[in-house]
Amino acid sequence: MRSRLNLIPFCIFFILLGMLSTLRTTEAADPVIVGVLHSTKYPYATMMKNSYEMAQERINKQGGIKGRPLKLIYADDQSTRDAGEKAVRELVKINKAVMLIGGYASSNTIYTAGLANKLNVPFLITTAADDRITQRKWRNVYRMNPPAQEYAKGVEKLLLQDIQPQSLAIVYENSPYGTGGALQMMWFCRENDIPIRKIIPYHKEKASPEYFEKLLSPLQEDTPEIIYMVSYLNDGATMVNKLKELQIKSLLIGGAGGFTHQKFIETAGESANKLLTATLWTQQLSYPGTKEYYEQYLQKHSVPPDYHGAEAYSAPFIVADVLNRAQSFRPESIREAMDATDFTTPFGPVKFESYGKFERQNSLPTMVLQVINGKFEVVAPGELATAELLKN
C-alpha cells in the first residue's frame, strides 16, 4: 500500500509534465492566419484594433483553433480602391490568410469584398453598412453587423411612439453609408406622412464650419422639428456646433455612425446636449461577455468602447467558432461552417440568413441613446432605459 502511495507524486509529476508539453506544443504550432482589413484613417481605428487584440489574446488562452494559436495579421486598405486591392492580395497570397475580417468604409468594402469573393476567400464584414454588400450574391461574403437600412429601426419606433414629429430635415454625407441611411429615413417619413422640409447632402471632402454654415443656414427660416443626420464623428460634431451657432433649435438625431463615441460628446461640447442617436450596442445588454468586455476595455484603455469596438471584439470569436467547427480550412468547409453559425457574442447573437434582398446577413435590434449631462443614456427600448427621454 505504501509503495503505491509513493508512486502518486511521480504520477502527478508526469501528468503535469504531459500537460506542459501539450501547452508548449500548442504555443509552438503553426498559427492559423486570419487577415484583418484595417486602416489608421478610420475614426475608430484604435478602438477596433485594441478590441481585435483583446479577443485574440482571450481566444488563444482558451486553446486557440484546433490546438493552434490564432494570429491576426493587419493590412492597411487606406479607404482607397488601389490600397484595398493590395491589402486583400497581400493577406491572401503572401500571408496565406484562411479568412478575412474587418471592413469599415462602405465604399471601399464593396470593392474589397468583391475581390475576396473572386479570390475565393471567406470575408466576415464587421462594420461596413452599405446595403449592397450582402446583396451581390457573393458566396464568400458574410456580415455580422446589420445593414444601413436597419440602423434607424429603434429611432423610427421612438419617433412614432414618443415624439410624433410634424416635420423633419435630413442632412447626410453623400457616401454609400450616408446615402443608404438617408434613403431609409426618407422612405420612413413617406410611409408615415411626416413632411420633409429639406434634404441636404454634403461632400465629405468639403466639410468645414464655413461649408456647413452655407448648407444649414436655410433651416433658420424654415426650421423643422427634427434634424436627422447621417455622418461620421468629426463631421457630426462640426454640424451640431454649427446648428447651435445658427440658433436652430430642432431636436437633433444622429443615425449611428459618428454620433455614438464619447469623443463626439467631447468634441461637440454643450451642442451635443439632448441629441439622440441610434446605436447597435450598449454595455447594458445582457449578452454573455458584454459587461466583461466593456469593463476590461475601460480599465485597459481608459475610454469607454462603443458598438464599433464591440463589433471588432466579437468578430474573432465568430471566426474561432467557425474554424473550430469546420472540417478543414478550405473555403468550402469554412463557408459550410459559416452557414451553420448560431453563436452569441458580446455584440449579440449571430446567424447568417437570407431575407429580402440580403444573403448571408446577420440582423440585430437597435437601441437609442441620448446625450444627457455629458454622457450617453439609453432611452429606448424601455426595458434597457437608463434615463427618460428629454424633448425640446
Protein backbone atom coordinates (compact mmCIF):
# COMPACT_ATOMS: atom_id res chain seq x y z
CA MET A 1 0.00 0.00 0.00
CA ARG A 2 2.82 2.37 0.98
CA SER A 3 4.64 1.69 -2.29
CA ARG A 4 1.54 2.63 -4.22
CA LEU A 5 1.26 5.86 -2.24
CA ASN A 6 4.88 6.61 -3.01
CA LEU A 7 4.06 6.38 -6.70
CA ILE A 8 1.39 9.10 -6.54
CA PRO A 9 3.82 12.09 -6.60
CA PHE A 10 5.57 10.58 -9.61
CA CYS A 11 2.21 10.10 -11.39
CA ILE A 12 1.24 13.70 -10.69
CA PHE A 13 4.65 14.86 -11.92
CA PHE A 14 4.29 13.02 -15.23
CA ILE A 15 0.70 14.25 -15.72
CA LEU A 16 1.83 17.85 -15.20
CA LEU A 17 4.80 17.27 -17.47
CA GLY A 18 2.45 16.00 -20.17
CA MET A 19 0.15 18.98 -19.77
CA LEU A 20 3.12 21.35 -20.02
CA SER A 21 4.35 19.53 -23.12
CA THR A 22 0.91 19.85 -24.73
CA LEU A 23 0.82 23.55 -23.89
CA ARG A 24 4.27 24.08 -25.41
CA THR A 25 3.21 22.13 -28.50
CA THR A 26 0.14 24.36 -28.89
CA GLU A 27 2.20 27.52 -28.46
CA ALA A 28 4.80 26.25 -30.93
CA ALA A 29 2.24 25.05 -33.51
CA ASP A 30 1.89 26.97 -36.74
CA PRO A 31 -0.70 29.71 -36.15
CA VAL A 32 -3.96 29.95 -38.04
CA ILE A 33 -3.74 33.19 -40.02
CA VAL A 34 -6.78 35.45 -40.29
CA GLY A 35 -6.39 38.71 -42.19
CA VAL A 36 -7.80 42.00 -40.94
CA LEU A 37 -8.59 44.80 -43.39
CA HIS A 38 -7.84 47.85 -41.32
CA SER A 39 -6.68 51.45 -41.63
CA THR A 40 -5.38 54.07 -39.24
CA LYS A 41 -7.51 56.57 -41.19
CA TYR A 42 -10.70 55.18 -39.65
CA PRO A 43 -12.12 57.35 -36.84
CA TYR A 44 -12.47 54.22 -34.69
CA ALA A 45 -9.25 52.53 -35.79
CA THR A 46 -7.56 52.48 -32.38
CA MET A 47 -10.65 51.21 -30.58
CA MET A 48 -11.19 48.48 -33.12
CA LYS A 49 -7.58 47.27 -33.18
CA ASN A 50 -7.45 47.25 -29.39
CA SER A 51 -10.61 45.14 -29.39
CA TYR A 52 -9.34 42.72 -32.04
CA GLU A 53 -6.20 42.15 -29.97
CA MET A 54 -8.14 41.65 -26.74
CA ALA A 55 -10.20 38.96 -28.46
CA GLN A 56 -7.13 37.27 -29.99
CA GLU A 57 -5.48 37.07 -26.58
CA ARG A 58 -8.56 35.55 -24.96
CA ILE A 59 -9.12 33.02 -27.75
CA ASN A 60 -5.55 31.78 -27.53
CA LYS A 61 -5.78 31.43 -23.75
CA GLN A 62 -8.84 29.25 -24.33
CA GLY A 63 -6.96 26.90 -26.66
CA GLY A 64 -6.93 28.73 -29.96
CA ILE A 65 -8.23 26.97 -33.07
CA LYS A 66 -7.90 23.18 -33.19
CA GLY A 67 -4.99 23.47 -30.76
CA ARG A 68 -3.24 26.12 -32.86
CA PRO A 69 -2.94 29.81 -31.94
CA LEU A 70 -4.99 32.38 -33.81
CA LYS A 71 -2.86 35.08 -35.42
CA LEU A 72 -4.46 38.25 -36.74
CA ILE A 73 -2.44 39.99 -39.46
CA TYR A 74 -3.42 43.52 -40.42
CA ALA A 75 -3.26 45.15 -43.84
CA ASP A 76 -3.94 48.84 -44.44
CA ASP A 77 -6.68 49.40 -47.03
CA GLN A 78 -6.40 53.20 -46.60
CA SER A 79 -10.06 53.53 -47.64
CA THR A 80 -8.97 53.57 -51.28
CA ARG A 81 -9.52 51.09 -54.10
CA ASP A 82 -5.86 50.56 -55.01
CA ALA A 83 -4.72 50.15 -51.41
CA GLY A 84 -7.72 47.91 -50.73
CA GLU A 85 -6.75 45.59 -53.60
CA LYS A 86 -3.17 45.49 -52.42
CA ALA A 87 -4.26 44.73 -48.85
CA VAL A 88 -6.52 41.84 -49.87
CA ARG A 89 -3.92 40.28 -52.15
CA GLU A 90 -1.21 40.70 -49.51
CA LEU A 91 -3.28 38.94 -46.86
CA VAL A 92 -4.44 36.13 -49.15
CA LYS A 93 -1.44 35.49 -51.42
CA ILE A 94 1.50 36.36 -49.17
CA ASN A 95 0.23 35.80 -45.62
CA LYS A 96 -1.99 32.83 -46.59
CA ALA A 97 -4.97 34.02 -44.54
CA VAL A 98 -7.72 31.41 -44.44
CA MET A 99 -10.33 34.11 -43.78
CA LEU A 100 -10.65 37.88 -43.78
CA ILE A 101 -12.42 40.11 -41.26
CA GLY A 102 -12.88 43.86 -40.99
CA GLY A 103 -14.25 46.36 -43.47
CA TYR A 104 -15.07 49.84 -42.20
CA ALA A 105 -15.67 52.32 -45.04
CA SER A 106 -18.58 51.04 -47.12
CA SER A 107 -17.38 52.46 -50.43
CA ASN A 108 -14.07 50.59 -50.13
CA THR A 109 -15.54 47.45 -48.58
CA ILE A 110 -17.82 46.90 -51.58
CA TYR A 111 -14.69 46.60 -53.71
CA THR A 112 -12.57 44.56 -51.27
CA ALA A 113 -15.47 42.18 -50.62
CA GLY A 114 -15.89 41.62 -54.35
CA LEU A 115 -12.18 40.90 -54.70
CA ALA A 116 -12.19 38.49 -51.74
CA ASN A 117 -15.10 36.67 -53.32
CA LYS A 118 -13.23 36.46 -56.63
CA LEU A 119 -10.19 35.04 -54.82
CA ASN A 120 -12.49 32.52 -53.08
CA VAL A 121 -11.67 33.62 -49.52
CA PRO A 122 -14.47 33.92 -46.90
CA PHE A 123 -14.77 37.50 -45.66
CA LEU A 124 -16.64 38.42 -42.48
CA ILE A 125 -17.67 42.09 -42.62
CA THR A 126 -17.68 43.63 -39.16
CA THR A 127 -18.69 47.28 -39.64
CA ALA A 128 -19.31 48.49 -43.23
CA ALA A 129 -23.07 49.01 -43.55
CA ASP A 130 -23.87 49.69 -47.21
CA ASP A 131 -26.91 47.55 -48.03
CA ARG A 132 -25.39 46.40 -51.32
CA ILE A 133 -22.51 44.49 -49.69
CA THR A 134 -24.71 41.48 -48.94
CA GLN A 135 -26.97 41.91 -51.97
CA ARG A 136 -24.40 40.95 -54.63
CA LYS A 137 -24.73 37.15 -54.43
CA TRP A 138 -21.11 36.87 -53.31
CA ARG A 139 -20.94 33.43 -51.74
CA ASN A 140 -17.82 34.26 -49.67
CA VAL A 141 -19.17 37.48 -48.12
CA TYR A 142 -20.89 37.44 -44.73
CA ARG A 143 -21.84 40.37 -42.48
CA MET A 144 -22.28 40.36 -38.70
CA ASN A 145 -23.50 43.96 -38.31
CA PRO A 146 -26.94 45.00 -39.59
CA PRO A 147 -27.18 46.74 -42.98
CA ALA A 148 -27.62 50.53 -43.10
CA GLN A 149 -31.37 50.39 -43.66
CA GLU A 150 -31.79 48.70 -40.27
CA TYR A 151 -29.70 51.13 -38.20
CA ALA A 152 -32.58 53.53 -37.61
CA LYS A 153 -35.22 50.96 -36.60
CA GLY A 154 -35.02 51.90 -32.92
CA VAL A 155 -35.15 55.62 -33.73
CA GLU A 156 -38.09 55.12 -36.07
CA LYS A 157 -40.07 53.38 -33.34
CA LEU A 158 -39.26 56.19 -30.89
CA LEU A 159 -40.33 58.81 -33.44
CA LEU A 160 -43.71 57.16 -33.95
CA GLN A 161 -44.48 56.30 -30.35
CA ASP A 162 -42.97 59.12 -28.29
CA ILE A 163 -42.06 62.13 -30.43
CA GLN A 164 -44.59 62.11 -33.29
CA PRO A 165 -42.84 64.87 -35.27
CA GLN A 166 -44.70 67.14 -37.68
CA SER A 167 -41.66 67.96 -39.78
CA LEU A 168 -38.12 66.69 -40.42
CA ALA A 169 -34.97 67.59 -42.36
CA ILE A 170 -32.25 65.15 -43.45
CA VAL A 171 -28.56 66.03 -43.68
CA TYR A 172 -26.22 63.30 -44.89
CA GLU A 173 -22.78 62.51 -46.23
CA ASN A 174 -23.15 61.52 -49.88
CA SER A 175 -21.21 58.26 -49.39
CA PRO A 176 -22.83 54.82 -49.77
CA TYR A 177 -23.28 54.64 -45.99
CA GLY A 178 -24.73 58.15 -45.68
CA THR A 179 -26.96 57.80 -48.73
CA GLY A 180 -28.31 54.45 -47.57
CA GLY A 181 -29.21 55.81 -44.14
CA ALA A 182 -30.81 58.94 -45.62
CA LEU A 183 -32.89 56.94 -48.11
CA GLN A 184 -34.20 54.73 -45.32
CA MET A 185 -35.34 57.79 -43.36
CA MET A 186 -36.93 59.28 -46.48
CA TRP A 187 -38.99 56.13 -47.00
CA PHE A 188 -39.93 56.08 -43.33
CA CYS A 189 -41.20 59.67 -43.48
CA ARG A 190 -43.12 58.98 -46.65
CA GLU A 191 -44.77 55.87 -45.23
CA ASN A 192 -45.78 57.70 -42.03
CA ASP A 193 -46.81 61.05 -43.54
CA ILE A 194 -44.04 63.06 -41.89
CA PRO A 195 -43.29 66.15 -44.02
CA ILE A 196 -39.63 66.51 -45.05
CA ARG A 197 -38.69 70.21 -45.13
CA LYS A 198 -35.17 69.82 -46.52
CA ILE A 199 -32.90 67.07 -47.88
CA ILE A 200 -29.28 68.23 -47.67
CA PRO A 201 -26.44 66.02 -48.97
CA TYR A 202 -22.87 67.16 -48.36
CA HIS A 203 -19.44 66.29 -49.73
CA LYS A 204 -17.12 64.93 -47.04
CA GLU A 205 -14.04 66.35 -48.72
CA LYS A 206 -15.53 69.85 -48.46
CA ALA A 207 -16.65 69.57 -44.84
CA SER A 208 -15.74 72.67 -42.80
CA PRO A 209 -17.62 75.07 -40.49
CA GLU A 210 -17.99 77.54 -43.37
CA TYR A 211 -19.30 74.86 -45.72
CA PHE A 212 -21.85 73.62 -43.19
CA GLU A 213 -22.99 77.18 -42.44
CA LYS A 214 -23.85 77.66 -46.11
CA LEU A 215 -25.73 74.34 -46.23
CA LEU A 216 -27.55 74.66 -42.90
CA SER A 217 -28.45 78.37 -42.74
CA PRO A 218 -31.65 77.91 -44.85
CA LEU A 219 -33.03 75.91 -41.90
CA GLN A 220 -33.17 79.16 -39.89
CA GLU A 221 -36.14 80.35 -41.94
CA ASP A 222 -37.88 77.00 -42.25
CA THR A 223 -36.91 75.18 -39.06
CA PRO A 224 -38.05 71.55 -38.84
CA GLU A 225 -38.99 69.87 -35.61
CA ILE A 226 -36.33 67.17 -36.20
CA ILE A 227 -32.97 67.25 -37.99
CA TYR A 228 -31.76 63.74 -38.84
CA MET A 229 -28.04 63.45 -39.65
CA VAL A 230 -26.05 60.59 -41.18
CA SER A 231 -22.30 61.13 -40.96
CA TYR A 232 -19.12 60.24 -39.14
CA LEU A 233 -17.63 61.67 -35.96
CA ASN A 234 -15.81 64.85 -36.98
CA ASP A 235 -18.46 65.98 -39.45
CA GLY A 236 -21.22 65.22 -36.95
CA ALA A 237 -19.58 67.31 -34.23
CA THR A 238 -18.97 70.19 -36.65
CA MET A 239 -22.61 70.10 -37.76
CA VAL A 240 -24.14 70.20 -34.31
CA ASN A 241 -21.84 73.04 -33.26
CA LYS A 242 -22.85 75.00 -36.35
CA LEU A 243 -26.56 74.34 -35.75
CA LYS A 244 -26.26 75.74 -32.22
CA GLU A 245 -24.31 78.76 -33.51
CA LEU A 246 -27.10 79.38 -36.05
CA GLN A 247 -29.63 79.07 -33.19
CA ILE A 248 -31.56 76.34 -34.97
CA LYS A 249 -33.44 74.68 -32.13
CA SER A 250 -34.59 71.44 -33.72
CA LEU A 251 -34.28 68.15 -31.87
CA LEU A 252 -31.15 66.54 -33.33
CA ILE A 253 -30.91 62.85 -34.20
CA GLY A 254 -27.80 61.04 -35.43
CA GLY A 255 -28.06 57.88 -37.49
CA ALA A 256 -25.41 55.95 -35.51
CA GLY A 257 -22.04 56.24 -37.33
CA GLY A 258 -20.04 59.05 -35.75
CA PHE A 259 -22.54 60.00 -33.07
CA THR A 260 -22.02 57.11 -30.66
CA HIS A 261 -18.49 57.68 -29.35
CA GLN A 262 -17.61 59.58 -26.18
CA LYS A 263 -15.23 61.67 -28.30
CA PHE A 264 -18.26 63.06 -30.15
CA ILE A 265 -19.58 64.48 -26.88
CA GLU A 266 -16.15 65.87 -26.00
CA THR A 267 -15.79 67.47 -29.44
CA ALA A 268 -19.32 68.86 -29.72
CA GLY A 269 -19.49 70.01 -26.08
CA GLU A 270 -22.78 71.55 -24.95
CA SER A 271 -24.06 71.45 -28.54
CA ALA A 272 -24.48 67.69 -28.12
CA ASN A 273 -26.95 68.07 -25.24
CA LYS A 274 -30.24 66.17 -25.85
CA LEU A 275 -29.01 64.75 -29.17
CA LEU A 276 -30.47 61.33 -29.89
CA THR A 277 -28.63 58.64 -31.82
CA ALA A 278 -29.24 55.14 -32.99
CA THR A 279 -26.77 52.56 -31.78
CA LEU A 280 -26.23 48.87 -32.41
CA TRP A 281 -24.93 48.06 -28.93
CA THR A 282 -24.67 49.30 -25.35
CA GLN A 283 -22.90 47.87 -22.33
CA GLN A 284 -26.31 47.41 -20.66
CA LEU A 285 -27.14 44.47 -22.94
CA SER A 286 -27.25 41.07 -21.25
CA TYR A 287 -25.35 39.05 -23.88
CA PRO A 288 -22.62 36.78 -22.46
CA GLY A 289 -19.37 38.71 -22.16
CA THR A 290 -20.83 42.16 -22.89
CA LYS A 291 -20.26 43.67 -19.47
CA GLU A 292 -16.91 41.92 -19.12
CA TYR A 293 -15.65 43.32 -22.45
CA TYR A 294 -16.82 46.85 -21.59
CA GLU A 295 -15.19 46.84 -18.15
CA GLN A 296 -11.93 45.30 -19.36
CA TYR A 297 -11.63 47.72 -22.25
CA LEU A 298 -12.35 50.70 -19.99
CA GLN A 299 -9.83 49.51 -17.41
CA LYS A 300 -7.14 48.84 -20.01
CA HIS A 301 -7.60 51.86 -22.27
CA SER A 302 -9.39 54.43 -20.06
CA VAL A 303 -12.01 55.16 -22.74
CA PRO A 304 -15.46 53.53 -22.93
CA PRO A 305 -15.92 51.48 -26.11
CA ASP A 306 -18.98 51.86 -28.33
CA TYR A 307 -20.52 49.48 -30.86
CA HIS A 308 -17.54 49.70 -33.24
CA GLY A 309 -15.34 48.21 -30.53
CA ALA A 310 -17.91 45.54 -29.66
CA GLU A 311 -18.09 44.54 -33.34
CA ALA A 312 -14.31 44.22 -33.58
CA TYR A 313 -14.07 42.29 -30.32
CA SER A 314 -16.80 39.84 -31.32
CA ALA A 315 -15.61 39.07 -34.86
CA PRO A 316 -12.59 36.91 -33.88
CA PHE A 317 -14.83 34.83 -31.60
CA ILE A 318 -17.10 34.10 -34.56
CA VAL A 319 -14.03 33.16 -36.57
CA ALA A 320 -12.78 30.85 -33.81
CA ASP A 321 -16.21 29.19 -33.53
CA VAL A 322 -16.41 28.72 -37.31
CA LEU A 323 -12.87 27.41 -37.80
CA ASN A 324 -13.12 25.03 -34.84
CA ARG A 325 -16.27 23.54 -36.40
CA ALA A 326 -15.03 23.49 -39.98
CA GLN A 327 -13.79 20.12 -41.26
CA SER A 328 -10.84 21.86 -42.88
CA PHE A 329 -9.59 25.35 -43.64
CA ARG A 330 -10.59 25.08 -47.27
CA PRO A 331 -13.05 27.80 -48.40
CA GLU A 332 -15.93 25.38 -48.96
CA SER A 333 -15.56 23.93 -45.45
CA ILE A 334 -15.38 27.39 -43.89
CA ARG A 335 -18.48 28.50 -45.80
CA GLU A 336 -20.35 25.41 -44.67
CA ALA A 337 -19.49 26.22 -41.03
CA MET A 338 -20.38 29.91 -41.56
CA ASP A 339 -23.77 28.94 -42.97
CA ALA A 340 -24.47 26.85 -39.87
CA THR A 341 -23.40 29.56 -37.40
CA ASP A 342 -25.73 30.15 -34.47
CA PHE A 343 -23.49 31.86 -31.94
CA THR A 344 -23.93 34.58 -29.34
CA THR A 345 -21.17 37.15 -28.95
CA PRO A 346 -20.76 40.19 -26.67
CA PHE A 347 -22.11 42.20 -29.65
CA GLY A 348 -25.18 39.98 -29.88
CA PRO A 349 -26.45 36.77 -31.50
CA VAL A 350 -25.06 35.94 -34.93
CA LYS A 351 -26.82 33.87 -37.55
CA PHE A 352 -26.24 34.40 -41.28
CA GLU A 353 -29.55 34.29 -43.12
CA SER A 354 -31.23 35.37 -46.33
CA TYR A 355 -34.16 37.79 -46.20
CA GLY A 356 -35.45 40.37 -48.64
CA LYS A 357 -32.55 41.07 -50.99
CA PHE A 358 -29.92 40.17 -48.38
CA GLU A 359 -27.86 36.98 -48.28
CA ARG A 360 -25.55 35.73 -45.51
CA GLN A 361 -26.63 38.69 -43.40
CA ASN A 362 -27.00 38.96 -39.62
CA SER A 363 -29.80 41.09 -38.17
CA LEU A 364 -29.97 42.72 -34.73
CA PRO A 365 -32.25 45.17 -32.92
CA THR A 366 -31.04 48.73 -32.45
CA MET A 367 -31.19 50.98 -29.40
CA VAL A 368 -31.49 54.75 -28.92
CA LEU A 369 -29.07 56.84 -26.86
CA GLN A 370 -29.47 60.43 -25.73
CA VAL A 371 -26.75 62.79 -24.54
CA ILE A 372 -27.77 63.86 -21.03
CA ASN A 373 -25.41 65.80 -18.73
CA GLY A 374 -22.39 64.99 -20.88
CA LYS A 375 -22.87 61.24 -21.22
CA PHE A 376 -24.90 58.74 -23.20
CA GLU A 377 -28.04 57.34 -21.61
CA VAL A 378 -30.25 54.61 -23.08
CA VAL A 379 -33.76 55.99 -23.65
CA ALA A 380 -35.19 53.16 -25.79
CA PRO A 381 -36.26 50.42 -25.71
CA GLY A 382 -37.89 50.86 -22.32
CA GLU A 383 -36.58 47.63 -20.80
CA LEU A 384 -32.99 48.88 -21.28
CA ALA A 385 -33.60 52.55 -20.48
CA THR A 386 -31.25 54.24 -18.04
CA ALA A 387 -32.96 57.64 -18.31
CA GLU A 388 -36.20 59.21 -19.55
CA LEU A 389 -36.35 60.82 -22.99
CA LEU A 390 -35.78 64.59 -22.94
CA LYS A 391 -37.61 66.53 -25.61
CA ASN A 392 -37.03 70.12 -26.68
